[in-house]
Amino acid sequence: MKTYLSIVAVFFIIISSFTVEAELQVLPTGMRITVLSRLGNTIENAKVTVYDTRDDYENEENAIAGPAFTDEKGRVTFKNLEEKQYYVQVIKGDDNNYGDAEQTGKLKKGKINKFNIVIQ
């Protein structure tokens, strides 16, 4: 019995001497914007630009992301953003989101936050 306990103790000492440090894999914080017409149809090739402040948005300067263009499903995704609110400009021809849905809600860290923006 003493031999068995000694073997088990040695086994646990050997196992505990190996430390495995797992890196936490944190998902990037981002946002997926879906651009829609006032009838609810998705809009392909809309230009989407993200700004940090209202002044930058209004002056169309210092964009922190974009411009990027929506895909065939009307979506565009921006990654590696901070956990905060942003101002988003969407333009397609004569249609835009000026005066409506300009500011996002606060992004949640570690996930792709989803927003719909209607242009008209």
N, C-alpha and C. Protein backbone atom coordinates (compact mmCIF):
# COMPACT_ATOMS: atom_id res chain seq x y z
N MET A 1 0.82 -1.20 0.00
CA MET A 1 0.00 0.00 0.00
C MET A 1 0.86 1.26 0.00
N LYS A 2 1.99 1.22 0.77
CA LYS A 2 2.89 2.36 0.80
C LYS A 2 3.48 2.62 -0.59
N THR A 3 3.79 1.52 -1.29
CA THR A 3 4.36 1.66 -2.63
C THR A 3 3.34 2.31 -3.56
N TYR A 4 2.11 1.90 -3.46
CA TYR A 4 1.05 2.46 -4.30
C TYR A 4 0.88 3.95 -4.03
N LEU A 5 0.84 4.35 -2.75
CA LEU A 5 0.70 5.76 -2.40
C LEU A 5 1.91 6.56 -2.86
N SER A 6 3.08 5.97 -2.79
CA SER A 6 4.29 6.66 -3.25
C SER A 6 4.24 6.89 -4.76
N ILE A 7 3.78 5.90 -5.49
CA ILE A 7 3.67 6.04 -6.95
C ILE A 7 2.65 7.12 -7.30
N VAL A 8 1.53 7.12 -6.62
CA VAL A 8 0.49 8.13 -6.88
C VAL A 8 1.02 9.52 -6.54
N ALA A 9 1.73 9.66 -5.43
CA ALA A 9 2.28 10.95 -5.03
C ALA A 9 3.29 11.44 -6.06
N VAL A 10 4.18 10.56 -6.50
CA VAL A 10 5.17 10.93 -7.52
C VAL A 10 4.46 11.34 -8.81
N PHE A 11 3.44 10.59 -9.19
CA PHE A 11 2.67 10.90 -10.39
C PHE A 11 2.08 12.31 -10.31
N PHE A 12 1.47 12.65 -9.18
CA PHE A 12 0.87 13.97 -9.02
C PHE A 12 1.93 15.08 -8.98
N ILE A 13 3.08 14.79 -8.41
CA ILE A 13 4.16 15.78 -8.40
C ILE A 13 4.64 16.04 -9.83
N ILE A 14 4.80 14.97 -10.60
CA ILE A 14 5.24 15.12 -11.99
C ILE A 14 4.20 15.88 -12.80
N ILE A 15 2.95 15.52 -12.66
CA ILE A 15 1.86 16.17 -13.41
C ILE A 15 1.76 17.64 -13.01
N SER A 16 1.86 17.92 -11.71
CA SER A 16 1.70 19.31 -11.27
C SER A 16 2.89 20.18 -11.66
N SER A 17 4.03 19.56 -11.97
CA SER A 17 5.18 20.35 -12.39
C SER A 17 5.01 20.89 -13.80
N PHE A 18 4.13 20.29 -14.57
CA PHE A 18 3.83 20.79 -15.91
C PHE A 18 2.68 21.77 -15.82
N THR A 19 2.95 23.00 -16.10
CA THR A 19 1.88 23.99 -16.09
C THR A 19 1.55 24.35 -17.52
N VAL A 20 0.32 24.25 -17.81
CA VAL A 20 -0.16 24.58 -19.15
C VAL A 20 -0.90 25.90 -19.04
N GLU A 21 -0.35 26.88 -19.73
CA GLU A 21 -1.01 28.18 -19.73
C GLU A 21 -1.76 28.34 -21.03
N ALA A 22 -3.05 28.30 -20.94
CA ALA A 22 -3.88 28.46 -22.13
C ALA A 22 -4.12 29.94 -22.35
N GLU A 23 -3.88 30.37 -23.55
CA GLU A 23 -4.18 31.76 -23.88
C GLU A 23 -5.67 31.90 -24.10
N LEU A 24 -6.22 32.90 -23.48
CA LEU A 24 -7.63 33.16 -23.68
C LEU A 24 -7.82 33.76 -25.06
N GLN A 25 -8.70 33.18 -25.79
CA GLN A 25 -8.97 33.69 -27.13
C GLN A 25 -10.16 34.64 -27.03
N VAL A 26 -9.87 35.92 -27.17
CA VAL A 26 -10.90 36.94 -27.06
C VAL A 26 -11.33 37.33 -28.46
N LEU A 27 -12.62 37.30 -28.67
CA LEU A 27 -13.14 37.71 -29.97
C LEU A 27 -13.01 39.22 -30.12
N PRO A 28 -12.78 39.66 -31.34
CA PRO A 28 -12.67 41.11 -31.54
C PRO A 28 -14.03 41.80 -31.38
N THR A 29 -13.98 43.01 -30.88
CA THR A 29 -15.20 43.81 -30.80
C THR A 29 -15.40 44.46 -32.16
N GLY A 30 -16.60 44.34 -32.67
CA GLY A 30 -16.88 44.91 -33.98
C GLY A 30 -18.34 45.19 -34.16
N MET A 31 -18.67 45.60 -35.37
CA MET A 31 -20.09 45.81 -35.68
C MET A 31 -20.36 45.41 -37.12
N ARG A 32 -21.53 44.83 -37.30
CA ARG A 32 -22.04 44.49 -38.63
C ARG A 32 -23.23 45.40 -38.89
N ILE A 33 -23.13 46.14 -39.96
CA ILE A 33 -24.20 47.07 -40.33
C ILE A 33 -24.90 46.50 -41.56
N THR A 34 -26.21 46.42 -41.48
CA THR A 34 -27.03 46.05 -42.62
C THR A 34 -27.76 47.30 -43.08
N VAL A 35 -27.59 47.63 -44.36
CA VAL A 35 -28.21 48.83 -44.92
C VAL A 35 -29.48 48.41 -45.66
N LEU A 36 -30.57 49.10 -45.33
CA LEU A 36 -31.89 48.79 -45.89
C LEU A 36 -32.52 50.02 -46.53
N SER A 37 -33.37 49.77 -47.53
CA SER A 37 -34.19 50.85 -48.08
C SER A 37 -35.36 51.07 -47.14
N ARG A 38 -36.11 52.15 -47.36
CA ARG A 38 -37.28 52.39 -46.50
C ARG A 38 -38.34 51.31 -46.66
N LEU A 39 -38.25 50.51 -47.74
CA LEU A 39 -39.18 49.39 -47.94
C LEU A 39 -38.65 48.10 -47.32
N GLY A 40 -37.45 48.16 -46.74
CA GLY A 40 -36.89 46.99 -46.08
C GLY A 40 -36.01 46.11 -46.95
N ASN A 41 -35.73 46.54 -48.17
CA ASN A 41 -34.84 45.78 -49.06
C ASN A 41 -33.39 46.09 -48.72
N THR A 42 -32.54 45.07 -48.79
CA THR A 42 -31.12 45.30 -48.54
C THR A 42 -30.50 46.09 -49.69
N ILE A 43 -29.51 46.90 -49.37
CA ILE A 43 -28.86 47.77 -50.36
C ILE A 43 -27.42 47.32 -50.55
N GLU A 44 -27.11 46.89 -51.76
CA GLU A 44 -25.77 46.48 -52.12
C GLU A 44 -24.95 47.69 -52.56
N ASN A 45 -23.65 47.66 -52.28
CA ASN A 45 -22.70 48.71 -52.69
C ASN A 45 -22.97 50.08 -52.09
N ALA A 46 -23.56 50.12 -50.90
CA ALA A 46 -23.69 51.39 -50.18
C ALA A 46 -22.35 51.68 -49.50
N LYS A 47 -21.94 52.91 -49.50
CA LYS A 47 -20.67 53.31 -48.87
C LYS A 47 -20.92 53.60 -47.39
N VAL A 48 -20.18 52.90 -46.53
CA VAL A 48 -20.35 53.03 -45.08
C VAL A 48 -19.04 53.49 -44.46
N THR A 49 -19.13 54.56 -43.67
CA THR A 49 -17.96 55.11 -43.01
C THR A 49 -18.27 55.29 -41.53
N VAL A 50 -17.31 54.98 -40.68
CA VAL A 50 -17.49 55.04 -39.22
C VAL A 50 -16.61 56.15 -38.65
N TYR A 51 -17.23 56.97 -37.79
CA TYR A 51 -16.52 58.09 -37.15
C TYR A 51 -16.60 57.96 -35.64
N ASP A 52 -15.60 58.52 -34.98
CA ASP A 52 -15.50 58.47 -33.52
C ASP A 52 -16.36 59.52 -32.84
N THR A 53 -16.48 60.70 -33.44
CA THR A 53 -17.21 61.80 -32.80
C THR A 53 -18.24 62.40 -33.76
N ARG A 54 -19.19 63.10 -33.19
CA ARG A 54 -20.20 63.78 -34.00
C ARG A 54 -19.56 64.82 -34.90
N ASP A 55 -18.59 65.57 -34.38
CA ASP A 55 -17.92 66.60 -35.20
C ASP A 55 -17.24 65.97 -36.41
N ASP A 56 -16.54 64.85 -36.20
CA ASP A 56 -15.89 64.17 -37.33
C ASP A 56 -16.93 63.69 -38.33
N TYR A 57 -18.05 63.17 -37.82
CA TYR A 57 -19.14 62.71 -38.70
C TYR A 57 -19.68 63.87 -39.52
N GLU A 58 -19.99 64.98 -38.87
CA GLU A 58 -20.57 66.13 -39.57
C GLU A 58 -19.62 66.76 -40.57
N ASN A 59 -18.31 66.73 -40.25
CA ASN A 59 -17.31 67.30 -41.15
C ASN A 59 -16.72 66.28 -42.12
N GLU A 60 -17.15 65.04 -41.98
CA GLU A 60 -16.67 63.93 -42.83
C GLU A 60 -15.15 63.87 -42.85
N GLU A 61 -14.55 63.85 -41.65
CA GLU A 61 -13.10 63.76 -41.54
C GLU A 61 -12.71 62.81 -40.40
N ASN A 62 -11.49 62.31 -40.46
CA ASN A 62 -10.94 61.43 -39.42
C ASN A 62 -11.76 60.16 -39.23
N ALA A 63 -12.14 59.52 -40.30
CA ALA A 63 -12.87 58.25 -40.20
C ALA A 63 -11.99 57.23 -39.50
N ILE A 64 -12.58 56.45 -38.61
CA ILE A 64 -11.79 55.42 -37.93
C ILE A 64 -11.94 54.06 -38.62
N ALA A 65 -12.94 53.93 -39.48
CA ALA A 65 -13.13 52.70 -40.26
C ALA A 65 -13.86 53.05 -41.55
N GLY A 66 -13.46 52.38 -42.62
CA GLY A 66 -14.07 52.63 -43.90
C GLY A 66 -13.41 53.79 -44.62
N PRO A 67 -13.97 54.19 -45.73
CA PRO A 67 -15.23 53.66 -46.23
C PRO A 67 -15.09 52.22 -46.72
N ALA A 68 -16.18 51.49 -46.52
CA ALA A 68 -16.31 50.13 -47.01
C ALA A 68 -17.68 50.04 -47.68
N PHE A 69 -17.83 49.05 -48.54
CA PHE A 69 -19.08 48.93 -49.30
C PHE A 69 -19.82 47.66 -48.91
N THR A 70 -21.14 47.78 -48.83
CA THR A 70 -21.95 46.63 -48.43
C THR A 70 -21.90 45.54 -49.49
N ASP A 71 -22.06 44.30 -49.03
CA ASP A 71 -22.05 43.14 -49.93
C ASP A 71 -23.44 42.93 -50.53
N GLU A 72 -23.62 41.80 -51.20
CA GLU A 72 -24.90 41.51 -51.87
C GLU A 72 -26.05 41.36 -50.89
N LYS A 73 -25.74 41.16 -49.60
CA LYS A 73 -26.79 41.06 -48.58
C LYS A 73 -26.98 42.38 -47.85
N GLY A 74 -26.33 43.44 -48.33
CA GLY A 74 -26.47 44.76 -47.72
C GLY A 74 -25.67 44.92 -46.44
N ARG A 75 -24.69 44.05 -46.21
CA ARG A 75 -23.94 44.07 -44.95
C ARG A 75 -22.49 44.48 -45.14
N VAL A 76 -21.97 45.09 -44.10
CA VAL A 76 -20.54 45.39 -44.01
C VAL A 76 -20.15 45.21 -42.55
N THR A 77 -18.95 44.68 -42.32
CA THR A 77 -18.49 44.40 -40.96
C THR A 77 -17.19 45.15 -40.70
N PHE A 78 -17.13 45.75 -39.53
CA PHE A 78 -15.93 46.43 -39.06
C PHE A 78 -15.48 45.75 -37.78
N LYS A 79 -14.19 45.40 -37.69
CA LYS A 79 -13.67 44.70 -36.51
C LYS A 79 -12.63 45.55 -35.80
N ASN A 80 -12.24 45.07 -34.64
CA ASN A 80 -11.21 45.71 -33.81
C ASN A 80 -11.59 47.14 -33.42
N LEU A 81 -12.83 47.28 -32.96
CA LEU A 81 -13.33 48.57 -32.49
C LEU A 81 -13.34 48.58 -30.96
N GLU A 82 -13.45 49.76 -30.41
CA GLU A 82 -13.53 49.90 -28.96
C GLU A 82 -14.98 49.74 -28.50
N GLU A 83 -15.11 49.51 -27.21
CA GLU A 83 -16.42 49.32 -26.58
C GLU A 83 -17.01 50.71 -26.29
N LYS A 84 -17.66 51.29 -27.31
CA LYS A 84 -18.22 52.64 -27.20
C LYS A 84 -19.23 52.86 -28.31
N GLN A 85 -19.78 54.06 -28.38
CA GLN A 85 -20.70 54.44 -29.45
C GLN A 85 -19.93 55.04 -30.61
N TYR A 86 -20.48 54.88 -31.81
CA TYR A 86 -19.87 55.44 -33.01
C TYR A 86 -20.92 56.16 -33.83
N TYR A 87 -20.44 56.97 -34.77
CA TYR A 87 -21.30 57.65 -35.73
C TYR A 87 -21.05 57.02 -37.09
N VAL A 88 -22.14 56.66 -37.78
CA VAL A 88 -22.03 55.94 -39.04
C VAL A 88 -22.70 56.74 -40.15
N GLN A 89 -21.98 56.87 -41.24
CA GLN A 89 -22.51 57.55 -42.43
C GLN A 89 -22.71 56.50 -43.52
N VAL A 90 -23.89 56.51 -44.12
CA VAL A 90 -24.19 55.58 -45.22
C VAL A 90 -24.69 56.40 -46.40
N ILE A 91 -24.11 56.14 -47.57
CA ILE A 91 -24.50 56.85 -48.79
C ILE A 91 -24.60 55.85 -49.93
N LYS A 92 -25.68 55.96 -50.70
CA LYS A 92 -25.84 55.20 -51.94
C LYS A 92 -26.58 56.11 -52.91
N GLY A 93 -25.85 56.64 -53.88
CA GLY A 93 -26.46 57.58 -54.82
C GLY A 93 -26.97 58.79 -54.08
N ASP A 94 -28.26 59.11 -54.25
CA ASP A 94 -28.87 60.25 -53.57
C ASP A 94 -29.44 59.88 -52.21
N ASP A 95 -29.41 58.61 -51.85
CA ASP A 95 -29.96 58.16 -50.58
C ASP A 95 -28.87 58.14 -49.51
N ASN A 96 -29.28 58.45 -48.26
CA ASN A 96 -28.34 58.45 -47.15
C ASN A 96 -29.11 58.34 -45.83
N ASN A 97 -28.37 58.31 -44.74
CA ASN A 97 -28.99 58.21 -43.41
C ASN A 97 -28.87 59.51 -42.62
N TYR A 98 -28.64 60.63 -43.27
CA TYR A 98 -28.49 61.90 -42.56
C TYR A 98 -29.76 62.20 -41.75
N GLY A 99 -29.56 62.53 -40.50
CA GLY A 99 -30.69 62.87 -39.63
C GLY A 99 -31.39 61.68 -39.04
N ASP A 100 -30.93 60.45 -39.35
CA ASP A 100 -31.62 59.26 -38.83
C ASP A 100 -30.61 58.12 -38.71
N ALA A 101 -30.59 57.47 -37.58
CA ALA A 101 -29.72 56.30 -37.34
C ALA A 101 -28.26 56.63 -37.60
N GLU A 102 -27.83 57.76 -37.10
CA GLU A 102 -26.44 58.16 -37.28
C GLU A 102 -25.53 57.59 -36.21
N GLN A 103 -26.05 57.43 -35.01
CA GLN A 103 -25.24 56.99 -33.88
C GLN A 103 -25.62 55.56 -33.48
N THR A 104 -24.59 54.75 -33.25
CA THR A 104 -24.84 53.38 -32.80
C THR A 104 -25.06 53.38 -31.29
N GLY A 105 -25.54 52.26 -30.79
CA GLY A 105 -25.53 52.06 -29.35
C GLY A 105 -24.10 51.70 -28.93
N LYS A 106 -23.86 51.61 -27.65
CA LYS A 106 -22.53 51.25 -27.16
C LYS A 106 -22.24 49.79 -27.55
N LEU A 107 -21.10 49.57 -28.17
CA LEU A 107 -20.73 48.22 -28.57
C LEU A 107 -20.42 47.37 -27.35
N LYS A 108 -20.78 46.10 -27.43
CA LYS A 108 -20.46 45.15 -26.37
C LYS A 108 -19.14 44.48 -26.72
N LYS A 109 -18.27 44.44 -25.76
CA LYS A 109 -16.92 43.92 -25.95
C LYS A 109 -16.94 42.42 -26.31
N GLY A 110 -16.08 42.05 -27.25
CA GLY A 110 -15.91 40.65 -27.59
C GLY A 110 -16.99 40.05 -28.46
N LYS A 111 -17.76 40.88 -29.13
CA LYS A 111 -18.78 40.35 -30.03
C LYS A 111 -18.95 41.27 -31.23
N ILE A 112 -19.55 40.73 -32.26
CA ILE A 112 -19.91 41.55 -33.42
C ILE A 112 -21.32 42.08 -33.16
N ASN A 113 -21.42 43.37 -32.92
CA ASN A 113 -22.69 44.03 -32.64
C ASN A 113 -23.39 44.32 -33.96
N LYS A 114 -24.69 44.11 -34.01
CA LYS A 114 -25.43 44.24 -35.27
C LYS A 114 -26.37 45.45 -35.23
N PHE A 115 -26.34 46.21 -36.35
CA PHE A 115 -27.20 47.39 -36.48
C PHE A 115 -27.80 47.43 -37.88
N ASN A 116 -29.05 47.83 -37.97
CA ASN A 116 -29.70 48.08 -39.26
C ASN A 116 -29.79 49.58 -39.45
N ILE A 117 -29.45 50.04 -40.63
CA ILE A 117 -29.56 51.47 -40.96
C ILE A 117 -30.38 51.60 -42.22
N VAL A 118 -31.43 52.42 -42.13
CA VAL A 118 -32.31 52.67 -43.26
C VAL A 118 -31.86 53.96 -43.94
N ILE A 119 -31.74 53.89 -45.26
CA ILE A 119 -31.39 55.09 -46.02
C ILE A 119 -32.58 55.48 -46.90
N GLN A 120 -32.69 56.79 -47.14
CA GLN A 120 -33.78 57.28 -48.00
C GLN A 120 -33.41 58.61 -48.61
